[in-house]
Amino acid sequence: MSHNYAEWIRTYAPVAVNDPNKPELVEEFSHCLLQLRPDIGLVVFSLIIMSDYRREVSSGGDPDLNRAAPGGHFCAAHSGGLSLQDYEK
């Protein structure tokens, strides 16, 4: 990522979107990431990737908090009362 930000985005965006039937989402997500300066993007993504909030999730939280599906499943299983509702945007 630090050597070639644009190339990293081209490989990361399809994996992050994870929907080969919606290439327009990959394009939109890529466009958003390219709006970040590479030095700022590196800091932001490093913080996201290295963050671990499992302990905070286990202590409970907002019952209406929206989360991505994999994180949502983890949170519902470990939060002590949060429920999970899948929906299409």
PDB file of N, CA and C in Angstrom:
ATOM      1  N   MET A   1       0.820  -1.195   0.000  1.00  0.00           N
ATOM      2  CA  MET A   1       0.000   0.000   0.000  1.00  0.00           C
ATOM      3  C   MET A   1       0.863   1.258   0.000  1.00  0.00           C
ATOM      4  N   SER A   2       1.920   1.266   0.781  1.00  0.00           N
ATOM      5  CA  SER A   2       2.748   2.473   0.860  1.00  0.00           C
ATOM      6  C   SER A   2       3.582   2.689  -0.401  1.00  0.00           C
ATOM      7  N   HIS A   3       3.778   1.650  -1.198  1.00  0.00           N
ATOM      8  CA  HIS A   3       4.590   1.786  -2.407  1.00  0.00           C
ATOM      9  C   HIS A   3       3.770   2.190  -3.625  1.00  0.00           C
ATOM     10  N   ASN A   4       2.532   1.721  -3.712  1.00  0.00           N
ATOM     11  CA  ASN A   4       1.699   2.039  -4.869  1.00  0.00           C
ATOM     12  C   ASN A   4       0.236   2.060  -4.425  1.00  0.00           C
ATOM     13  N   TYR A   5      -0.202   3.194  -3.942  1.00  0.00           N
ATOM     14  CA  TYR A   5      -1.542   3.355  -3.371  1.00  0.00           C
ATOM     15  C   TYR A   5      -2.641   3.014  -4.374  1.00  0.00           C
ATOM     16  N   ALA A   6      -2.528   3.510  -5.591  1.00  0.00           N
ATOM     17  CA  ALA A   6      -3.564   3.264  -6.604  1.00  0.00           C
ATOM     18  C   ALA A   6      -3.670   1.775  -6.926  1.00  0.00           C
ATOM     19  N   GLU A   7      -2.549   1.091  -7.030  1.00  0.00           N
ATOM     20  CA  GLU A   7      -2.576  -0.352  -7.302  1.00  0.00           C
ATOM     21  C   GLU A   7      -3.191  -1.103  -6.123  1.00  0.00           C
ATOM     22  N   TRP A   8      -2.866  -0.693  -4.918  1.00  0.00           N
ATOM     23  CA  TRP A   8      -3.455  -1.322  -3.738  1.00  0.00           C
ATOM     24  C   TRP A   8      -4.974  -1.178  -3.772  1.00  0.00           C
ATOM     25  N   ILE A   9      -5.466  -0.009  -4.125  1.00  0.00           N
ATOM     26  CA  ILE A   9      -6.911   0.212  -4.211  1.00  0.00           C
ATOM     27  C   ILE A   9      -7.523  -0.698  -5.271  1.00  0.00           C
ATOM     28  N   ARG A  10      -6.867  -0.832  -6.415  1.00  0.00           N
ATOM     29  CA  ARG A  10      -7.402  -1.693  -7.487  1.00  0.00           C
ATOM     30  C   ARG A  10      -7.529  -3.144  -7.039  1.00  0.00           C
ATOM     31  N   THR A  11      -6.651  -3.601  -6.163  1.00  0.00           N
ATOM     32  CA  THR A  11      -6.748  -4.981  -5.689  1.00  0.00           C
ATOM     33  C   THR A  11      -7.610  -5.105  -4.437  1.00  0.00           C
ATOM     34  N   TYR A  12      -7.628  -4.084  -3.597  1.00  0.00           N
ATOM     35  CA  TYR A  12      -8.381  -4.136  -2.340  1.00  0.00           C
ATOM     36  C   TYR A  12      -9.882  -3.941  -2.541  1.00  0.00           C
ATOM     37  N   ALA A  13     -10.278  -3.011  -3.367  1.00  0.00           N
ATOM     38  CA  ALA A  13     -11.699  -2.661  -3.512  1.00  0.00           C
ATOM     39  C   ALA A  13     -12.573  -3.855  -3.888  1.00  0.00           C
ATOM     40  N   PRO A  14     -12.206  -4.678  -4.874  1.00  0.00           N
ATOM     41  CA  PRO A  14     -13.066  -5.824  -5.193  1.00  0.00           C
ATOM     42  C   PRO A  14     -13.192  -6.814  -4.038  1.00  0.00           C
ATOM     43  N   VAL A  15     -12.122  -6.987  -3.283  1.00  0.00           N
ATOM     44  CA  VAL A  15     -12.165  -7.899  -2.137  1.00  0.00           C
ATOM     45  C   VAL A  15     -13.056  -7.328  -1.041  1.00  0.00           C
ATOM     46  N   ALA A  16     -12.939  -6.042  -0.790  1.00  0.00           N
ATOM     47  CA  ALA A  16     -13.735  -5.397   0.257  1.00  0.00           C
ATOM     48  C   ALA A  16     -15.218  -5.378  -0.096  1.00  0.00           C
ATOM     49  N   VAL A  17     -15.548  -5.099  -1.346  1.00  0.00           N
ATOM     50  CA  VAL A  17     -16.951  -5.052  -1.774  1.00  0.00           C
ATOM     51  C   VAL A  17     -17.534  -6.458  -1.817  1.00  0.00           C
ATOM     52  N   ASN A  18     -16.758  -7.423  -2.285  1.00  0.00           N
ATOM     53  CA  ASN A  18     -17.139  -8.838  -2.275  1.00  0.00           C
ATOM     54  C   ASN A  18     -18.475  -9.103  -2.966  1.00  0.00           C
ATOM     55  N   ASP A  19     -18.707  -8.475  -4.098  1.00  0.00           N
ATOM     56  CA  ASP A  19     -19.921  -8.729  -4.879  1.00  0.00           C
ATOM     57  C   ASP A  19     -19.599  -8.580  -6.361  1.00  0.00           C
ATOM     58  N   PRO A  20     -19.202  -9.695  -7.011  1.00  0.00           N
ATOM     59  CA  PRO A  20     -18.822  -9.612  -8.417  1.00  0.00           C
ATOM     60  C   PRO A  20     -19.970  -9.204  -9.341  1.00  0.00           C
ATOM     61  N   ASN A  21     -21.197  -9.273  -8.852  1.00  0.00           N
ATOM     62  CA  ASN A  21     -22.352  -8.885  -9.664  1.00  0.00           C
ATOM     63  C   ASN A  21     -22.617  -7.383  -9.643  1.00  0.00           C
ATOM     64  N   LYS A  22     -21.843  -6.641  -8.839  1.00  0.00           N
ATOM     65  CA  LYS A  22     -22.058  -5.194  -8.740  1.00  0.00           C
ATOM     66  C   LYS A  22     -20.739  -4.440  -8.925  1.00  0.00           C
ATOM     67  N   PRO A  23     -20.183  -4.478 -10.131  1.00  0.00           N
ATOM     68  CA  PRO A  23     -18.906  -3.788 -10.363  1.00  0.00           C
ATOM     69  C   PRO A  23     -18.999  -2.285 -10.140  1.00  0.00           C
ATOM     70  N   GLU A  24     -20.203  -1.737 -10.230  1.00  0.00           N
ATOM     71  CA  GLU A  24     -20.354  -0.298  -9.993  1.00  0.00           C
ATOM     72  C   GLU A  24     -20.035   0.057  -8.542  1.00  0.00           C
ATOM     73  N   LEU A  25     -20.269  -0.878  -7.616  1.00  0.00           N
ATOM     74  CA  LEU A  25     -19.917  -0.627  -6.213  1.00  0.00           C
ATOM     75  C   LEU A  25     -18.406  -0.599  -6.030  1.00  0.00           C
ATOM     76  N   VAL A  26     -17.720  -1.501  -6.720  1.00  0.00           N
ATOM     77  CA  VAL A  26     -16.253  -1.513  -6.669  1.00  0.00           C
ATOM     78  C   VAL A  26     -15.710  -0.204  -7.225  1.00  0.00           C
ATOM     79  N   GLU A  27     -16.287   0.238  -8.327  1.00  0.00           N
ATOM     80  CA  GLU A  27     -15.839   1.493  -8.943  1.00  0.00           C
ATOM     81  C   GLU A  27     -16.072   2.683  -8.009  1.00  0.00           C
ATOM     82  N   GLU A  28     -17.244   2.724  -7.389  1.00  0.00           N
ATOM     83  CA  GLU A  28     -17.551   3.836  -6.479  1.00  0.00           C
ATOM     84  C   GLU A  28     -16.642   3.814  -5.254  1.00  0.00           C
ATOM     85  N   PHE A  29     -16.437   2.624  -4.683  1.00  0.00           N
ATOM     86  CA  PHE A  29     -15.576   2.502  -3.512  1.00  0.00           C
ATOM     87  C   PHE A  29     -14.144   2.891  -3.871  1.00  0.00           C
ATOM     88  N   SER A  30     -13.666   2.424  -5.023  1.00  0.00           N
ATOM     89  CA  SER A  30     -12.316   2.782  -5.476  1.00  0.00           C
ATOM     90  C   SER A  30     -12.180   4.288  -5.632  1.00  0.00           C
ATOM     91  N   HIS A  31     -13.181   4.901  -6.233  1.00  0.00           N
ATOM     92  CA  HIS A  31     -13.161   6.352  -6.427  1.00  0.00           C
ATOM     93  C   HIS A  31     -13.070   7.074  -5.076  1.00  0.00           C
ATOM     94  N   CYS A  32     -13.835   6.617  -4.096  1.00  0.00           N
ATOM     95  CA  CYS A  32     -13.793   7.237  -2.761  1.00  0.00           C
ATOM     96  C   CYS A  32     -12.410   7.105  -2.136  1.00  0.00           C
ATOM     97  N   LEU A  33     -11.821   5.913  -2.244  1.00  0.00           N
ATOM     98  CA  LEU A  33     -10.493   5.708  -1.665  1.00  0.00           C
ATOM     99  C   LEU A  33      -9.440   6.561  -2.357  1.00  0.00           C
ATOM    100  N   LEU A  34      -9.583   6.730  -3.659  1.00  0.00           N
ATOM    101  CA  LEU A  34      -8.614   7.537  -4.403  1.00  0.00           C
ATOM    102  C   LEU A  34      -8.702   9.021  -4.053  1.00  0.00           C
ATOM    103  N   GLN A  35      -9.777   9.434  -3.417  1.00  0.00           N
ATOM    104  CA  GLN A  35      -9.910  10.832  -2.993  1.00  0.00           C
ATOM    105  C   GLN A  35      -9.018  11.137  -1.791  1.00  0.00           C
ATOM    106  N   LEU A  36      -8.629  10.085  -1.050  1.00  0.00           N
ATOM    107  CA  LEU A  36      -7.722  10.273   0.086  1.00  0.00           C
ATOM    108  C   LEU A  36      -6.296  10.436  -0.420  1.00  0.00           C
ATOM    109  N   ARG A  37      -5.566  11.331   0.193  1.00  0.00           N
ATOM    110  CA  ARG A  37      -4.135  11.406  -0.104  1.00  0.00           C
ATOM    111  C   ARG A  37      -3.507  10.089   0.356  1.00  0.00           C
ATOM    112  N   PRO A  38      -2.554   9.547  -0.389  1.00  0.00           N
ATOM    113  CA  PRO A  38      -1.957   8.263  -0.010  1.00  0.00           C
ATOM    114  C   PRO A  38      -1.390   8.231   1.406  1.00  0.00           C
ATOM    115  N   ASP A  39      -0.759   9.304   1.861  1.00  0.00           N
ATOM    116  CA  ASP A  39      -0.200   9.299   3.217  1.00  0.00           C
ATOM    117  C   ASP A  39      -1.304   9.241   4.270  1.00  0.00           C
ATOM    118  N   ILE A  40      -2.412   9.924   4.018  1.00  0.00           N
ATOM    119  CA  ILE A  40      -3.553   9.883   4.940  1.00  0.00           C
ATOM    120  C   ILE A  40      -4.212   8.511   4.875  1.00  0.00           C
ATOM    121  N   GLY A  41      -4.384   7.980   3.668  1.00  0.00           N
ATOM    122  CA  GLY A  41      -4.982   6.653   3.500  1.00  0.00           C
ATOM    123  C   GLY A  41      -4.205   5.589   4.250  1.00  0.00           C
ATOM    124  N   LEU A  42      -2.886   5.655   4.202  1.00  0.00           N
ATOM    125  CA  LEU A  42      -2.053   4.675   4.898  1.00  0.00           C
ATOM    126  C   LEU A  42      -2.296   4.717   6.401  1.00  0.00           C
ATOM    127  N   VAL A  43      -2.372   5.908   6.965  1.00  0.00           N
ATOM    128  CA  VAL A  43      -2.624   6.042   8.403  1.00  0.00           C
ATOM    129  C   VAL A  43      -4.014   5.522   8.757  1.00  0.00           C
ATOM    130  N   VAL A  44      -5.019   5.930   7.985  1.00  0.00           N
ATOM    131  CA  VAL A  44      -6.400   5.522   8.263  1.00  0.00           C
ATOM    132  C   VAL A  44      -6.540   4.006   8.175  1.00  0.00           C
ATOM    133  N   PHE A  45      -6.058   3.404   7.097  1.00  0.00           N
ATOM    134  CA  PHE A  45      -6.205   1.964   6.937  1.00  0.00           C
ATOM    135  C   PHE A  45      -5.368   1.187   7.938  1.00  0.00           C
ATOM    136  N   SER A  46      -4.220   1.705   8.321  1.00  0.00           N
ATOM    137  CA  SER A  46      -3.426   1.050   9.364  1.00  0.00           C
ATOM    138  C   SER A  46      -4.192   1.012  10.674  1.00  0.00           C
ATOM    139  N   LEU A  47      -4.833   2.125  11.022  1.00  0.00           N
ATOM    140  CA  LEU A  47      -5.631   2.159  12.250  1.00  0.00           C
ATOM    141  C   LEU A  47      -6.796   1.181  12.183  1.00  0.00           C
ATOM    142  N   ILE A  48      -7.469   1.131  11.051  1.00  0.00           N
ATOM    143  CA  ILE A  48      -8.616   0.229  10.903  1.00  0.00           C
ATOM    144  C   ILE A  48      -8.170  -1.225  10.986  1.00  0.00           C
ATOM    145  N   ILE A  49      -7.147  -1.575  10.239  1.00  0.00           N
ATOM    146  CA  ILE A  49      -6.713  -2.966  10.163  1.00  0.00           C
ATOM    147  C   ILE A  49      -6.131  -3.444  11.487  1.00  0.00           C
ATOM    148  N   MET A  50      -5.454  -2.571  12.207  1.00  0.00           N
ATOM    149  CA  MET A  50      -4.813  -2.973  13.458  1.00  0.00           C
ATOM    150  C   MET A  50      -5.709  -2.819  14.681  1.00  0.00           C
ATOM    151  N   SER A  51      -6.892  -2.286  14.501  1.00  0.00           N
ATOM    152  CA  SER A  51      -7.793  -2.083  15.635  1.00  0.00           C
ATOM    153  C   SER A  51      -8.480  -3.386  16.016  1.00  0.00           C
ATOM    154  N   ASP A  52      -8.668  -3.579  17.306  1.00  0.00           N
ATOM    155  CA  ASP A  52      -9.343  -4.768  17.817  1.00  0.00           C
ATOM    156  C   ASP A  52     -10.306  -4.315  18.910  1.00  0.00           C
ATOM    157  N   TYR A  53     -11.591  -4.337  18.596  1.00  0.00           N
ATOM    158  CA  TYR A  53     -12.611  -3.861  19.523  1.00  0.00           C
ATOM    159  C   TYR A  53     -13.455  -4.987  20.096  1.00  0.00           C
ATOM    160  N   ARG A  54     -12.955  -6.219  20.062  1.00  0.00           N
ATOM    161  CA  ARG A  54     -13.747  -7.344  20.568  1.00  0.00           C
ATOM    162  C   ARG A  54     -14.112  -7.173  22.037  1.00  0.00           C
ATOM    163  N   ARG A  55     -13.210  -6.652  22.841  1.00  0.00           N
ATOM    164  CA  ARG A  55     -13.507  -6.476  24.262  1.00  0.00           C
ATOM    165  C   ARG A  55     -14.623  -5.457  24.456  1.00  0.00           C
ATOM    166  N   GLU A  56     -14.576  -4.355  23.715  1.00  0.00           N
ATOM    167  CA  GLU A  56     -15.612  -3.333  23.829  1.00  0.00           C
ATOM    168  C   GLU A  56     -16.962  -3.862  23.366  1.00  0.00           C
ATOM    169  N   VAL A  57     -16.960  -4.666  22.311  1.00  0.00           N
ATOM    170  CA  VAL A  57     -18.206  -5.240  21.801  1.00  0.00           C
ATOM    171  C   VAL A  57     -18.821  -6.154  22.846  1.00  0.00           C
ATOM    172  N   SER A  58     -17.989  -6.930  23.525  1.00  0.00           N
ATOM    173  CA  SER A  58     -18.486  -7.872  24.525  1.00  0.00           C
ATOM    174  C   SER A  58     -19.131  -7.181  25.714  1.00  0.00           C
ATOM    175  N   SER A  59     -18.825  -5.912  25.924  1.00  0.00           N
ATOM    176  CA  SER A  59     -19.394  -5.196  27.069  1.00  0.00           C
ATOM    177  C   SER A  59     -20.757  -4.596  26.756  1.00  0.00           C
ATOM    178  N   GLY A  60     -21.278  -4.819  25.560  1.00  0.00           N
ATOM    179  CA  GLY A  60     -22.595  -4.290  25.195  1.00  0.00           C
ATOM    180  C   GLY A  60     -22.442  -3.020  24.399  1.00  0.00           C
ATOM    181  N   GLY A  61     -23.557  -2.417  24.056  1.00  0.00           N
ATOM    182  CA  GLY A  61     -23.486  -1.192  23.280  1.00  0.00           C
ATOM    183  C   GLY A  61     -24.832  -0.800  22.744  1.00  0.00           C
ATOM    184  N   ASP A  62     -24.824   0.058  21.782  1.00  0.00           N
ATOM    185  CA  ASP A  62     -26.024   0.577  21.144  1.00  0.00           C
ATOM    186  C   ASP A  62     -26.763  -0.548  20.426  1.00  0.00           C
ATOM    187  N   PRO A  63     -28.024  -0.822  20.770  1.00  0.00           N
ATOM    188  CA  PRO A  63     -28.737  -1.931  20.130  1.00  0.00           C
ATOM    189  C   PRO A  63     -29.079  -1.672  18.667  1.00  0.00           C
ATOM    190  N   ASP A  64     -28.948  -0.451  18.193  1.00  0.00           N
ATOM    191  CA  ASP A  64     -29.286  -0.140  16.808  1.00  0.00           C
ATOM    192  C   ASP A  64     -28.057   0.165  15.958  1.00  0.00           C
ATOM    193  N   LEU A  65     -26.883  -0.137  16.451  1.00  0.00           N
ATOM    194  CA  LEU A  65     -25.656   0.182  15.732  1.00  0.00           C
ATOM    195  C   LEU A  65     -25.548  -0.652  14.461  1.00  0.00           C
ATOM    196  N   ASN A  66     -25.305  -0.014  13.331  1.00  0.00           N
ATOM    197  CA  ASN A  66     -25.142  -0.717  12.058  1.00  0.00           C
ATOM    198  C   ASN A  66     -23.701  -1.176  11.921  1.00  0.00           C
ATOM    199  N   ARG A  67     -23.533  -2.406  11.470  1.00  0.00           N
ATOM    200  CA  ARG A  67     -22.203  -2.974  11.263  1.00  0.00           C
ATOM    201  C   ARG A  67     -22.214  -3.783   9.972  1.00  0.00           C
ATOM    202  N   ALA A  68     -21.043  -3.958   9.368  1.00  0.00           N
ATOM    203  CA  ALA A  68     -20.930  -4.839   8.201  1.00  0.00           C
ATOM    204  C   ALA A  68     -21.270  -6.261   8.626  1.00  0.00           C
ATOM    205  N   ALA A  69     -21.756  -7.074   7.701  1.00  0.00           N
ATOM    206  CA  ALA A  69     -22.275  -8.407   8.028  1.00  0.00           C
ATOM    207  C   ALA A  69     -21.330  -9.265   8.876  1.00  0.00           C
ATOM    208  N   PRO A  70     -20.061  -9.481   8.492  1.00  0.00           N
ATOM    209  CA  PRO A  70     -19.211 -10.329   9.339  1.00  0.00           C
ATOM    210  C   PRO A  70     -19.024  -9.752  10.739  1.00  0.00           C
ATOM    211  N   GLY A  71     -18.811  -8.454  10.817  1.00  0.00           N
ATOM    212  CA  GLY A  71     -18.688  -7.816  12.128  1.00  0.00           C
ATOM    213  C   GLY A  71     -19.993  -7.863  12.893  1.00  0.00           C
ATOM    214  N   GLY A  72     -21.090  -7.712  12.173  1.00  0.00           N
ATOM    215  CA  GLY A  72     -22.408  -7.776  12.801  1.00  0.00           C
ATOM    216  C   GLY A  72     -22.682  -9.128  13.418  1.00  0.00           C
ATOM    217  N   HIS A  73     -22.317 -10.190  12.716  1.00  0.00           N
ATOM    218  CA  HIS A  73     -22.518 -11.538  13.255  1.00  0.00           C
ATOM    219  C   HIS A  73     -21.678 -11.735  14.515  1.00  0.00           C
ATOM    220  N   PHE A  74     -20.435 -11.263  14.483  1.00  0.00           N
ATOM    221  CA  PHE A  74     -19.582 -11.367  15.667  1.00  0.00           C
ATOM    222  C   PHE A  74     -20.189 -10.585  16.826  1.00  0.00           C
ATOM    223  N   CYS A  75     -20.607  -9.358  16.551  1.00  0.00           N
ATOM    224  CA  CYS A  75     -21.158  -8.510  17.606  1.00  0.00           C
ATOM    225  C   CYS A  75     -22.424  -9.113  18.201  1.00  0.00           C
ATOM    226  N   ALA A  76     -23.303  -9.641  17.358  1.00  0.00           N
ATOM    227  CA  ALA A  76     -24.539 -10.236  17.858  1.00  0.00           C
ATOM    228  C   ALA A  76     -24.238 -11.435  18.748  1.00  0.00           C
ATOM    229  N   ALA A  77     -23.224 -12.211  18.388  1.00  0.00           N
ATOM    230  CA  ALA A  77     -22.882 -13.403  19.161  1.00  0.00           C
ATOM    231  C   ALA A  77     -22.169 -13.079  20.470  1.00  0.00           C
ATOM    232  N   HIS A  78     -21.500 -11.939  20.554  1.00  0.00           N
ATOM    233  CA  HIS A  78     -20.656 -11.646  21.715  1.00  0.00           C
ATOM    234  C   HIS A  78     -21.048 -10.398  22.502  1.00  0.00           C
ATOM    235  N   SER A  79     -22.152  -9.787  22.181  1.00  0.00           N
ATOM    236  CA  SER A  79     -22.461  -8.494  22.785  1.00  0.00           C
ATOM    237  C   SER A  79     -23.349  -8.574  24.010  1.00  0.00           C
ATOM    238  N   GLY A  80     -23.930  -9.713  24.264  1.00  0.00           N
ATOM    239  CA  GLY A  80     -24.808  -9.814  25.424  1.00  0.00           C
ATOM    240  C   GLY A  80     -26.144  -9.129  25.215  1.00  0.00           C
ATOM    241  N   GLY A  81     -26.743  -9.307  24.055  1.00  0.00           N
ATOM    242  CA  GLY A  81     -28.082  -8.774  23.879  1.00  0.00           C
ATOM    243  C   GLY A  81     -28.377  -8.065  22.579  1.00  0.00           C
ATOM    244  N   LEU A  82     -27.370  -7.729  21.811  1.00  0.00           N
ATOM    245  CA  LEU A  82     -27.656  -7.084  20.529  1.00  0.00           C
ATOM    246  C   LEU A  82     -28.251  -8.107  19.572  1.00  0.00           C
ATOM    247  N   SER A  83     -29.170  -7.665  18.744  1.00  0.00           N
ATOM    248  CA  SER A  83     -29.727  -8.555  17.728  1.00  0.00           C
ATOM    249  C   SER A  83     -29.212  -8.125  16.365  1.00  0.00           C
ATOM    250  N   LEU A  84     -29.288  -9.038  15.414  1.00  0.00           N
ATOM    251  CA  LEU A  84     -28.775  -8.788  14.077  1.00  0.00           C
ATOM    252  C   LEU A  84     -29.928  -8.813  13.093  1.00  0.00           C
ATOM    253  N   GLN A  85     -30.015  -7.780  12.265  1.00  0.00           N
ATOM    254  CA  GLN A  85     -31.030  -7.721  11.222  1.00  0.00           C
ATOM    255  C   GLN A  85     -30.333  -7.410   9.913  1.00  0.00           C
ATOM    256  N   ASP A  86     -30.395  -8.355   8.959  1.00  0.00           N
ATOM    257  CA  ASP A  86     -29.797  -8.139   7.643  1.00  0.00           C
ATOM    258  C   ASP A  86     -30.751  -7.322   6.796  1.00  0.00           C
ATOM    259  N   TYR A  87     -30.215  -6.423   5.998  1.00  0.00           N
ATOM    260  CA  TYR A  87     -31.049  -5.638   5.098  1.00  0.00           C
ATOM    261  C   TYR A  87     -30.258  -5.251   3.873  1.00  0.00           C
ATOM    262  N   GLU A  88     -30.953  -5.012   2.792  1.00  0.00           N
ATOM    263  CA  GLU A  88     -30.342  -4.523   1.562  1.00  0.00           C
ATOM    264  C   GLU A  88     -30.452  -3.018   1.544  1.00  0.00           C
ATOM    265  N   LYS A  89     -29.417  -2.362   1.106  1.00  0.00           N
ATOM    266  CA  LYS A  89     -29.403  -0.904   1.039  1.00  0.00           C
ATOM    267  C   LYS A  89     -30.217  -0.441  -0.126  1.00  0.00           C
TER     268      LYS A  89
END
